[in-house]
All heavy atoms as atom14 arrays in JSON, in Angstrom:
{
  "sequence": "DSIAASEYVPVKPRLRLPEAAVEALSSSRKPIIWAGAGSIGARVAD",
  "atom14_mask": [
    [1, 1, 1, 1, 1, 1, 1, 1, 0, 0, 0, 0, 0, 0],
    [1, 1, 1, 1, 1, 1, 0, 0, 0, 0, 0, 0, 0, 0],
    [1, 1, 1, 1, 1, 1, 1, 1, 0, 0, 0, 0, 0, 0],
    [1, 1, 1, 1, 1, 0, 0, 0, 0, 0, 0, 0, 0, 0],
    [1, 1, 1, 1, 1, 0, 0, 0, 0, 0, 0, 0, 0, 0],
    [1, 1, 1, 1, 1, 1, 0, 0, 0, 0, 0, 0, 0, 0],
    [1, 1, 1, 1, 1, 1, 1, 1, 1, 0, 0, 0, 0, 0],
    [1, 1, 1, 1, 1, 1, 1, 1, 1, 1, 1, 1, 0, 0],
    [1, 1, 1, 1, 1, 1, 1, 0, 0, 0, 0, 0, 0, 0],
    [1, 1, 1, 1, 1, 1, 1, 0, 0, 0, 0, 0, 0, 0],
    [1, 1, 1, 1, 1, 1, 1, 0, 0, 0, 0, 0, 0, 0],
    [1, 1, 1, 1, 1, 1, 1, 1, 1, 0, 0, 0, 0, 0],
    [1, 1, 1, 1, 1, 1, 1, 0, 0, 0, 0, 0, 0, 0],
    [1, 1, 1, 1, 1, 1, 1, 1, 1, 1, 1, 0, 0, 0],
    [1, 1, 1, 1, 1, 1, 1, 1, 0, 0, 0, 0, 0, 0],
    [1, 1, 1, 1, 1, 1, 1, 1, 1, 1, 1, 0, 0, 0],
    [1, 1, 1, 1, 1, 1, 1, 1, 0, 0, 0, 0, 0, 0],
    [1, 1, 1, 1, 1, 1, 1, 0, 0, 0, 0, 0, 0, 0],
    [1, 1, 1, 1, 1, 1, 1, 1, 1, 0, 0, 0, 0, 0],
    [1, 1, 1, 1, 1, 0, 0, 0, 0, 0, 0, 0, 0, 0],
    [1, 1, 1, 1, 1, 0, 0, 0, 0, 0, 0, 0, 0, 0],
    [1, 1, 1, 1, 1, 1, 1, 0, 0, 0, 0, 0, 0, 0],
    [1, 1, 1, 1, 1, 1, 1, 1, 1, 0, 0, 0, 0, 0],
    [1, 1, 1, 1, 1, 0, 0, 0, 0, 0, 0, 0, 0, 0],
    [1, 1, 1, 1, 1, 1, 1, 1, 0, 0, 0, 0, 0, 0],
    [1, 1, 1, 1, 1, 1, 0, 0, 0, 0, 0, 0, 0, 0],
    [1, 1, 1, 1, 1, 1, 0, 0, 0, 0, 0, 0, 0, 0],
    [1, 1, 1, 1, 1, 1, 0, 0, 0, 0, 0, 0, 0, 0],
    [1, 1, 1, 1, 1, 1, 1, 1, 1, 1, 1, 0, 0, 0],
    [1, 1, 1, 1, 1, 1, 1, 1, 1, 0, 0, 0, 0, 0],
    [1, 1, 1, 1, 1, 1, 1, 0, 0, 0, 0, 0, 0, 0],
    [1, 1, 1, 1, 1, 1, 1, 1, 0, 0, 0, 0, 0, 0],
    [1, 1, 1, 1, 1, 1, 1, 1, 0, 0, 0, 0, 0, 0],
    [1, 1, 1, 1, 1, 1, 1, 1, 1, 1, 1, 1, 1, 1],
    [1, 1, 1, 1, 1, 0, 0, 0, 0, 0, 0, 0, 0, 0],
    [1, 1, 1, 1, 0, 0, 0, 0, 0, 0, 0, 0, 0, 0],
    [1, 1, 1, 1, 1, 0, 0, 0, 0, 0, 0, 0, 0, 0],
    [1, 1, 1, 1, 0, 0, 0, 0, 0, 0, 0, 0, 0, 0],
    [1, 1, 1, 1, 1, 1, 0, 0, 0, 0, 0, 0, 0, 0],
    [1, 1, 1, 1, 1, 1, 1, 1, 0, 0, 0, 0, 0, 0],
    [1, 1, 1, 1, 0, 0, 0, 0, 0, 0, 0, 0, 0, 0],
    [1, 1, 1, 1, 1, 0, 0, 0, 0, 0, 0, 0, 0, 0],
    [1, 1, 1, 1, 1, 1, 1, 1, 1, 1, 1, 0, 0, 0],
    [1, 1, 1, 1, 1, 1, 1, 0, 0, 0, 0, 0, 0, 0],
    [1, 1, 1, 1, 1, 0, 0, 0, 0, 0, 0, 0, 0, 0],
    [1, 1, 1, 1, 1, 1, 1, 1, 0, 0, 0, 0, 0, 0]
  ],
  "atom14_positions": [
    [[31.45, 28.67, 12.43], [32.07, 28.11, 11.21], [31.2, 27.11, 10.47], [31.52, 26.65, 9.52], [33.49, 27.52, 11.48], [33.38, 26.43, 12.51], [32.3, 26.09, 12.98], [34.48, 25.89, 12.9], [0.0, 0.0, 0.0], [0.0, 0.0, 0.0], [0.0, 0.0, 0.0], [0.0, 0.0, 0.0], [0.0, 0.0, 0.0], [0.0, 0.0, 0.0]],
    [[30.03, 26.74, 11.07], [29.18, 25.72, 10.52], [27.96, 26.35, 9.87], [27.08, 25.69, 9.34], [28.76, 24.66, 11.58], [27.91, 25.32, 12.49], [0.0, 0.0, 0.0], [0.0, 0.0, 0.0], [0.0, 0.0, 0.0], [0.0, 0.0, 0.0], [0.0, 0.0, 0.0], [0.0, 0.0, 0.0], [0.0, 0.0, 0.0], [0.0, 0.0, 0.0]],
    [[27.82, 27.65, 9.98], [26.67, 28.41, 9.4], [26.93, 28.71, 7.92], [28.01, 29.34, 7.61], [26.44, 29.7, 10.07], [26.1, 29.34, 11.61], [25.25, 30.46, 9.49], [25.96, 30.62, 12.45], [0.0, 0.0, 0.0], [0.0, 0.0, 0.0], [0.0, 0.0, 0.0], [0.0, 0.0, 0.0], [0.0, 0.0, 0.0], [0.0, 0.0, 0.0]],
    [[26.14, 28.23, 7.02], [26.32, 28.45, 5.62], [25.04, 28.74, 4.99], [24.04, 28.2, 5.25], [27.0, 27.2, 4.96], [0.0, 0.0, 0.0], [0.0, 0.0, 0.0], [0.0, 0.0, 0.0], [0.0, 0.0, 0.0], [0.0, 0.0, 0.0], [0.0, 0.0, 0.0], [0.0, 0.0, 0.0], [0.0, 0.0, 0.0], [0.0, 0.0, 0.0]],
    [[25.01, 29.69, 4.08], [23.88, 29.97, 3.21], [23.49, 28.77, 2.36], [24.34, 28.06, 1.83], [24.08, 31.26, 2.42], [0.0, 0.0, 0.0], [0.0, 0.0, 0.0], [0.0, 0.0, 0.0], [0.0, 0.0, 0.0], [0.0, 0.0, 0.0], [0.0, 0.0, 0.0], [0.0, 0.0, 0.0], [0.0, 0.0, 0.0], [0.0, 0.0, 0.0]],
    [[22.24, 28.69, 2.05], [21.79, 27.52, 1.2], [21.02, 28.01, 0.07], [20.39, 29.02, 0.1], [21.03, 26.48, 2.09], [19.96, 27.18, 2.75], [0.0, 0.0, 0.0], [0.0, 0.0, 0.0], [0.0, 0.0, 0.0], [0.0, 0.0, 0.0], [0.0, 0.0, 0.0], [0.0, 0.0, 0.0], [0.0, 0.0, 0.0], [0.0, 0.0, 0.0]],
    [[21.0, 27.2, -0.97], [20.27, 27.54, -2.2], [19.12, 26.43, -2.37], [19.41, 25.28, -2.14], [21.2, 27.6, -3.37], [22.19, 28.66, -3.34], [21.66, 30.07, -3.82], [20.61, 30.0, -4.56], [22.17, 31.04, -3.47], [0.0, 0.0, 0.0], [0.0, 0.0, 0.0], [0.0, 0.0, 0.0], [0.0, 0.0, 0.0], [0.0, 0.0, 0.0]],
    [[17.94, 26.98, -2.72], [16.83, 26.0, -3.02], [16.36, 26.36, -4.39], [15.18, 26.76, -4.65], [15.7, 26.18, -2.0], [16.17, 25.61, -0.64], [16.61, 26.37, 0.29], [15.94, 24.26, -0.38], [17.05, 25.96, 1.55], [16.4, 23.73, 0.87], [16.86, 24.5, 1.85], [17.21, 24.06, 3.04], [0.0, 0.0, 0.0], [0.0, 0.0, 0.0]],
    [[17.27, 26.3, -5.44], [16.83, 26.54, -6.8], [16.61, 25.25, -7.49], [17.37, 24.43, -7.68], [18.01, 27.28, -7.58], [17.63, 27.55, -8.98], [18.45, 28.61, -6.81], [0.0, 0.0, 0.0], [0.0, 0.0, 0.0], [0.0, 0.0, 0.0], [0.0, 0.0, 0.0], [0.0, 0.0, 0.0], [0.0, 0.0, 0.0], [0.0, 0.0, 0.0]],
    [[15.26, 25.13, -7.88], [14.92, 23.83, -8.52], [15.65, 23.69, -9.85], [15.71, 24.56, -10.63], [13.39, 23.97, -8.64], [13.12, 25.39, -8.72], [14.1, 26.04, -7.74], [0.0, 0.0, 0.0], [0.0, 0.0, 0.0], [0.0, 0.0, 0.0], [0.0, 0.0, 0.0], [0.0, 0.0, 0.0], [0.0, 0.0, 0.0], [0.0, 0.0, 0.0]],
    [[16.03, 22.39, -10.14], [16.67, 22.15, -11.4], [15.64, 21.68, -12.42], [14.86, 20.77, -12.07], [17.81, 21.06, -11.23], [18.37, 20.79, -12.63], [18.93, 21.61, -10.29], [0.0, 0.0, 0.0], [0.0, 0.0, 0.0], [0.0, 0.0, 0.0], [0.0, 0.0, 0.0], [0.0, 0.0, 0.0], [0.0, 0.0, 0.0], [0.0, 0.0, 0.0]],
    [[15.55, 22.34, -13.5], [14.6, 22.01, -14.47], [15.33, 21.03, -15.5], [16.08, 21.44, -16.33], [14.04, 23.19, -15.24], [12.91, 22.82, -16.19], [12.26, 24.07, -16.84], [11.09, 23.77, -17.64], [10.48, 25.1, -18.32], [0.0, 0.0, 0.0], [0.0, 0.0, 0.0], [0.0, 0.0, 0.0], [0.0, 0.0, 0.0], [0.0, 0.0, 0.0]],
    [[14.99, 19.66, -15.36], [15.71, 18.75, -16.2], [15.22, 18.75, -17.72], [14.13, 19.12, -17.98], [15.35, 17.41, -15.59], [14.03, 17.61, -14.99], [14.04, 19.08, -14.47], [0.0, 0.0, 0.0], [0.0, 0.0, 0.0], [0.0, 0.0, 0.0], [0.0, 0.0, 0.0], [0.0, 0.0, 0.0], [0.0, 0.0, 0.0], [0.0, 0.0, 0.0]],
    [[16.2, 18.64, -18.52], [15.88, 18.5, -20.01], [15.98, 17.08, -20.31], [16.8, 16.37, -19.91], [16.78, 19.34, -20.87], [16.44, 20.85, -20.69], [17.15, 21.64, -21.74], [16.86, 21.31, -23.1], [15.78, 21.73, -23.77], [14.87, 22.59, -23.11], [15.53, 21.31, -24.94], [0.0, 0.0, 0.0], [0.0, 0.0, 0.0], [0.0, 0.0, 0.0]],
    [[15.1, 16.65, -21.27], [15.13, 15.21, -21.58], [15.25, 15.0, -23.08], [14.6, 15.74, -23.87], [13.66, 14.67, -21.23], [13.35, 13.24, -21.67], [14.23, 12.23, -21.01], [11.88, 12.89, -21.47], [0.0, 0.0, 0.0], [0.0, 0.0, 0.0], [0.0, 0.0, 0.0], [0.0, 0.0, 0.0], [0.0, 0.0, 0.0], [0.0, 0.0, 0.0]],
    [[16.11, 14.05, -23.39], [16.2, 13.64, -24.83], [15.34, 12.28, -24.93], [15.78, 11.35, -24.35], [17.61, 13.42, -25.25], [17.71, 12.93, -26.65], [19.18, 12.79, -27.13], [19.14, 12.42, -28.52], [20.11, 12.77, -29.41], [21.08, 13.68, -29.04], [20.16, 12.36, -30.59], [0.0, 0.0, 0.0], [0.0, 0.0, 0.0], [0.0, 0.0, 0.0]],
    [[14.29, 12.5, -25.72], [13.46, 11.2, -25.79], [14.07, 10.08, -26.49], [14.83, 10.32, -27.53], [12.17, 11.52, -26.6], [11.12, 12.41, -25.87], [10.04, 12.88, -26.98], [10.43, 11.64, -24.88], [0.0, 0.0, 0.0], [0.0, 0.0, 0.0], [0.0, 0.0, 0.0], [0.0, 0.0, 0.0], [0.0, 0.0, 0.0], [0.0, 0.0, 0.0]],
    [[13.99, 8.88, -25.91], [14.53, 7.67, -26.63], [14.01, 7.55, -28.05], [12.88, 7.89, -28.28], [14.16, 6.49, -25.72], [13.85, 7.17, -24.39], [13.3, 8.49, -24.65], [0.0, 0.0, 0.0], [0.0, 0.0, 0.0], [0.0, 0.0, 0.0], [0.0, 0.0, 0.0], [0.0, 0.0, 0.0], [0.0, 0.0, 0.0], [0.0, 0.0, 0.0]],
    [[14.91, 7.07, -28.99], [14.4, 6.98, -30.36], [13.14, 6.09, -30.52], [12.24, 6.41, -31.29], [15.58, 6.54, -31.34], [16.75, 7.58, -31.37], [17.79, 7.03, -32.37], [17.51, 6.03, -33.12], [18.84, 7.67, -32.38], [0.0, 0.0, 0.0], [0.0, 0.0, 0.0], [0.0, 0.0, 0.0], [0.0, 0.0, 0.0], [0.0, 0.0, 0.0]],
    [[13.1, 5.1, -29.74], [11.96, 4.12, -29.92], [10.64, 4.87, -29.46], [9.61, 4.63, -30.08], [12.16, 2.96, -29.02], [0.0, 0.0, 0.0], [0.0, 0.0, 0.0], [0.0, 0.0, 0.0], [0.0, 0.0, 0.0], [0.0, 0.0, 0.0], [0.0, 0.0, 0.0], [0.0, 0.0, 0.0], [0.0, 0.0, 0.0], [0.0, 0.0, 0.0]],
    [[10.74, 5.73, -28.37], [9.62, 6.43, -27.98], [9.21, 7.45, -29.07], [7.94, 7.65, -29.22], [9.9, 7.11, -26.66], [0.0, 0.0, 0.0], [0.0, 0.0, 0.0], [0.0, 0.0, 0.0], [0.0, 0.0, 0.0], [0.0, 0.0, 0.0], [0.0, 0.0, 0.0], [0.0, 0.0, 0.0], [0.0, 0.0, 0.0], [0.0, 0.0, 0.0]],
    [[10.17, 8.18, -29.64], [9.88, 9.13, -30.67], [9.15, 8.47, -31.88], [8.13, 8.95, -32.39], [11.11, 9.75, -31.13], [10.89, 10.69, -32.43], [11.75, 10.62, -30.05], [0.0, 0.0, 0.0], [0.0, 0.0, 0.0], [0.0, 0.0, 0.0], [0.0, 0.0, 0.0], [0.0, 0.0, 0.0], [0.0, 0.0, 0.0], [0.0, 0.0, 0.0]],
    [[9.66, 7.22, -32.21], [8.97, 6.5, -33.35], [7.55, 6.09, -32.98], [6.67, 6.24, -33.76], [9.85, 5.36, -33.66], [9.25, 4.36, -34.76], [9.03, 5.04, -36.0], [9.63, 6.03, -36.31], [8.03, 4.64, -36.72], [0.0, 0.0, 0.0], [0.0, 0.0, 0.0], [0.0, 0.0, 0.0], [0.0, 0.0, 0.0], [0.0, 0.0, 0.0]],
    [[7.42, 5.67, -31.72], [6.08, 5.2, -31.33], [5.06, 6.39, -31.34], [3.96, 6.3, -31.78], [6.11, 4.55, -29.9], [0.0, 0.0, 0.0], [0.0, 0.0, 0.0], [0.0, 0.0, 0.0], [0.0, 0.0, 0.0], [0.0, 0.0, 0.0], [0.0, 0.0, 0.0], [0.0, 0.0, 0.0], [0.0, 0.0, 0.0], [0.0, 0.0, 0.0]],
    [[5.49, 7.55, -30.83], [4.61, 8.67, -30.71], [4.32, 9.19, -32.09], [3.27, 9.71, -32.43], [5.24, 9.77, -29.94], [5.34, 9.49, -28.35], [6.4, 10.39, -27.69], [3.97, 9.68, -27.73], [0.0, 0.0, 0.0], [0.0, 0.0, 0.0], [0.0, 0.0, 0.0], [0.0, 0.0, 0.0], [0.0, 0.0, 0.0], [0.0, 0.0, 0.0]],
    [[5.4, 9.18, -33.0], [5.17, 9.83, -34.27], [4.24, 8.92, -35.21], [3.55, 9.48, -36.03], [6.55, 9.91, -35.05], [7.45, 10.74, -34.33], [0.0, 0.0, 0.0], [0.0, 0.0, 0.0], [0.0, 0.0, 0.0], [0.0, 0.0, 0.0], [0.0, 0.0, 0.0], [0.0, 0.0, 0.0], [0.0, 0.0, 0.0], [0.0, 0.0, 0.0]],
    [[4.3, 7.57, -34.96], [3.61, 6.73, -35.82], [2.14, 6.43, -35.3], [1.28, 5.95, -36.0], [4.26, 5.38, -35.98], [4.44, 4.75, -34.72], [0.0, 0.0, 0.0], [0.0, 0.0, 0.0], [0.0, 0.0, 0.0], [0.0, 0.0, 0.0], [0.0, 0.0, 0.0], [0.0, 0.0, 0.0], [0.0, 0.0, 0.0], [0.0, 0.0, 0.0]],
    [[1.86, 6.73, -34.11], [0.52, 6.51, -33.47], [-0.5, 7.35, -34.02], [-0.28, 8.58, -34.28], [0.68, 6.76, -31.91], [-0.66, 6.66, -31.4], [0.0, 0.0, 0.0], [0.0, 0.0, 0.0], [0.0, 0.0, 0.0], [0.0, 0.0, 0.0], [0.0, 0.0, 0.0], [0.0, 0.0, 0.0], [0.0, 0.0, 0.0], [0.0, 0.0, 0.0]],
    [[-1.66, 6.82, -34.38], [-2.81, 7.57, -34.88], [-3.97, 7.53, -33.92], [-4.96, 8.34, -34.12], [-3.19, 6.99, -36.24], [-2.23, 7.09, -37.34], [-2.01, 8.66, -37.71], [-0.96, 8.9, -38.64], [0.36, 9.18, -38.23], [0.69, 9.3, -37.01], [1.25, 9.43, -39.18], [0.0, 0.0, 0.0], [0.0, 0.0, 0.0], [0.0, 0.0, 0.0]],
    [[-3.96, 6.72, -32.91], [-5.02, 6.65, -31.91], [-4.51, 6.5, -30.57], [-4.73, 5.53, -29.81], [-6.02, 5.49, -32.22], [-6.79, 5.6, -33.49], [-7.75, 4.43, -33.73], [-8.73, 4.28, -32.63], [-9.69, 3.19, -32.79], [0.0, 0.0, 0.0], [0.0, 0.0, 0.0], [0.0, 0.0, 0.0], [0.0, 0.0, 0.0], [0.0, 0.0, 0.0]],
    [[-3.64, 7.42, -30.05], [-3.09, 7.32, -28.78], [-4.14, 7.7, -27.65], [-5.05, 8.43, -27.85], [-1.91, 8.42, -28.77], [-2.45, 9.43, -29.72], [-3.24, 8.66, -30.78], [0.0, 0.0, 0.0], [0.0, 0.0, 0.0], [0.0, 0.0, 0.0], [0.0, 0.0, 0.0], [0.0, 0.0, 0.0], [0.0, 0.0, 0.0], [0.0, 0.0, 0.0]],
    [[-3.89, 7.14, -26.48], [-4.74, 7.55, -25.34], [-3.86, 7.7, -24.08], [-2.83, 6.97, -23.96], [-5.73, 6.41, -25.02], [-6.83, 6.39, -26.15], [-6.42, 6.64, -23.7], [-7.92, 5.35, -25.88], [0.0, 0.0, 0.0], [0.0, 0.0, 0.0], [0.0, 0.0, 0.0], [0.0, 0.0, 0.0], [0.0, 0.0, 0.0], [0.0, 0.0, 0.0]],
    [[-4.06, 8.73, -23.3], [-3.21, 9.06, -22.21], [-3.88, 8.67, -20.93], [-5.13, 8.76, -20.67], [-2.99, 10.54, -22.08], [-2.2, 11.04, -23.28], [-2.34, 10.94, -20.77], [-2.18, 12.59, -23.47], [0.0, 0.0, 0.0], [0.0, 0.0, 0.0], [0.0, 0.0, 0.0], [0.0, 0.0, 0.0], [0.0, 0.0, 0.0], [0.0, 0.0, 0.0]],
    [[-3.13, 7.82, -20.17], [-3.48, 7.39, -18.74], [-2.71, 8.23, -17.84], [-1.53, 8.15, -17.69], [-3.14, 5.87, -18.56], [-3.32, 5.32, -17.17], [-2.78, 5.82, -16.08], [-4.1, 4.19, -16.87], [-3.17, 5.01, -15.03], [-3.88, 4.01, -15.47], [-4.89, 3.31, -17.54], [-4.63, 2.99, -14.82], [-5.48, 2.3, -16.88], [-5.36, 2.11, -15.5]],
    [[-3.42, 9.17, -17.17], [-2.84, 10.19, -16.33], [-2.93, 9.79, -14.8], [-4.0, 9.61, -14.31], [-3.42, 11.53, -16.4], [0.0, 0.0, 0.0], [0.0, 0.0, 0.0], [0.0, 0.0, 0.0], [0.0, 0.0, 0.0], [0.0, 0.0, 0.0], [0.0, 0.0, 0.0], [0.0, 0.0, 0.0], [0.0, 0.0, 0.0], [0.0, 0.0, 0.0]],
    [[-1.69, 9.57, -14.2], [-1.71, 9.21, -12.82], [-1.42, 10.36, -11.86], [-1.22, 11.57, -12.4], [0.0, 0.0, 0.0], [0.0, 0.0, 0.0], [0.0, 0.0, 0.0], [0.0, 0.0, 0.0], [0.0, 0.0, 0.0], [0.0, 0.0, 0.0], [0.0, 0.0, 0.0], [0.0, 0.0, 0.0], [0.0, 0.0, 0.0], [0.0, 0.0, 0.0]],
    [[-1.25, 10.2, -10.6], [-1.03, 11.29, -9.66], [0.24, 11.93, -9.95], [0.38, 13.2, -9.62], [-0.98, 10.67, -8.26], [0.0, 0.0, 0.0], [0.0, 0.0, 0.0], [0.0, 0.0, 0.0], [0.0, 0.0, 0.0], [0.0, 0.0, 0.0], [0.0, 0.0, 0.0], [0.0, 0.0, 0.0], [0.0, 0.0, 0.0], [0.0, 0.0, 0.0]],
    [[1.2, 11.34, -10.53], [2.47, 11.99, -10.85], [2.38, 12.97, -12.0], [3.32, 13.69, -12.28], [0.0, 0.0, 0.0], [0.0, 0.0, 0.0], [0.0, 0.0, 0.0], [0.0, 0.0, 0.0], [0.0, 0.0, 0.0], [0.0, 0.0, 0.0], [0.0, 0.0, 0.0], [0.0, 0.0, 0.0], [0.0, 0.0, 0.0], [0.0, 0.0, 0.0]],
    [[1.22, 13.14, -12.58], [1.04, 14.04, -13.68], [0.38, 15.4, -13.2], [0.11, 16.22, -13.97], [0.21, 13.4, -14.76], [-1.1, 13.1, -14.41], [0.0, 0.0, 0.0], [0.0, 0.0, 0.0], [0.0, 0.0, 0.0], [0.0, 0.0, 0.0], [0.0, 0.0, 0.0], [0.0, 0.0, 0.0], [0.0, 0.0, 0.0], [0.0, 0.0, 0.0]],
    [[-0.05, 15.44, -11.91], [-0.74, 16.57, -11.42], [0.23, 17.77, -11.51], [1.42, 17.71, -11.11], [-1.13, 16.37, -9.93], [-2.2, 15.31, -9.85], [-1.66, 17.69, -9.34], [-2.66, 14.98, -8.53], [0.0, 0.0, 0.0], [0.0, 0.0, 0.0], [0.0, 0.0, 0.0], [0.0, 0.0, 0.0], [0.0, 0.0, 0.0], [0.0, 0.0, 0.0]],
    [[-0.26, 18.86, -12.12], [0.57, 20.08, -12.26], [1.26, 20.12, -13.62], [1.82, 21.17, -13.96], [0.0, 0.0, 0.0], [0.0, 0.0, 0.0], [0.0, 0.0, 0.0], [0.0, 0.0, 0.0], [0.0, 0.0, 0.0], [0.0, 0.0, 0.0], [0.0, 0.0, 0.0], [0.0, 0.0, 0.0], [0.0, 0.0, 0.0], [0.0, 0.0, 0.0]],
    [[1.32, 18.98, -14.32], [2.04, 19.03, -15.64], [1.03, 19.53, -16.78], [-0.19, 19.49, -16.5], [2.57, 17.59, -15.83], [0.0, 0.0, 0.0], [0.0, 0.0, 0.0], [0.0, 0.0, 0.0], [0.0, 0.0, 0.0], [0.0, 0.0, 0.0], [0.0, 0.0, 0.0], [0.0, 0.0, 0.0], [0.0, 0.0, 0.0], [0.0, 0.0, 0.0]],
    [[1.57, 19.7, -17.91], [0.73, 20.17, -18.91], [0.05, 19.11, -19.8], [0.29, 18.95, -20.95], [1.61, 21.04, -19.93], [2.23, 22.33, -19.3], [3.31, 22.92, -20.22], [2.72, 23.41, -21.45], [3.45, 23.81, -22.49], [4.78, 23.92, -22.4], [2.85, 24.19, -23.63], [0.0, 0.0, 0.0], [0.0, 0.0, 0.0], [0.0, 0.0, 0.0]],
    [[-0.74, 18.35, -19.06], [-1.31, 17.15, -19.63], [-2.33, 17.52, -20.81], [-2.4, 16.92, -21.85], [-2.01, 16.32, -18.6], [-2.91, 15.11, -19.25], [-1.09, 15.8, -17.59], [0.0, 0.0, 0.0], [0.0, 0.0, 0.0], [0.0, 0.0, 0.0], [0.0, 0.0, 0.0], [0.0, 0.0, 0.0], [0.0, 0.0, 0.0], [0.0, 0.0, 0.0]],
    [[-3.11, 18.58, -20.59], [-4.01, 19.13, -21.6], [-3.3, 19.43, -22.91], [-3.76, 19.19, -24.0], [-4.87, 20.26, -21.03], [0.0, 0.0, 0.0], [0.0, 0.0, 0.0], [0.0, 0.0, 0.0], [0.0, 0.0, 0.0], [0.0, 0.0, 0.0], [0.0, 0.0, 0.0], [0.0, 0.0, 0.0], [0.0, 0.0, 0.0], [0.0, 0.0, 0.0]],
    [[-2.13, 20.15, -22.79], [-1.41, 20.55, -23.96], [-0.99, 19.29, -24.68], [-0.94, 19.25, -26.01], [-0.19, 21.34, -23.51], [-0.61, 22.77, -23.03], [-1.71, 23.16, -23.29], [0.24, 23.45, -22.42], [0.0, 0.0, 0.0], [0.0, 0.0, 0.0], [0.0, 0.0, 0.0], [0.0, 0.0, 0.0], [0.0, 0.0, 0.0], [0.0, 0.0, 0.0]]
  ]
}
């Protein structure tokens, strides 16, 4: 009675960017990206 099937389906979170961040990104003309280890595997080049 303690044996149960398990699911390992990763949840892909969706994000609503904060308005202040949207404004900062939209108005920037000379942005630079600092990529740390937490960005490995993400679409940094894109």
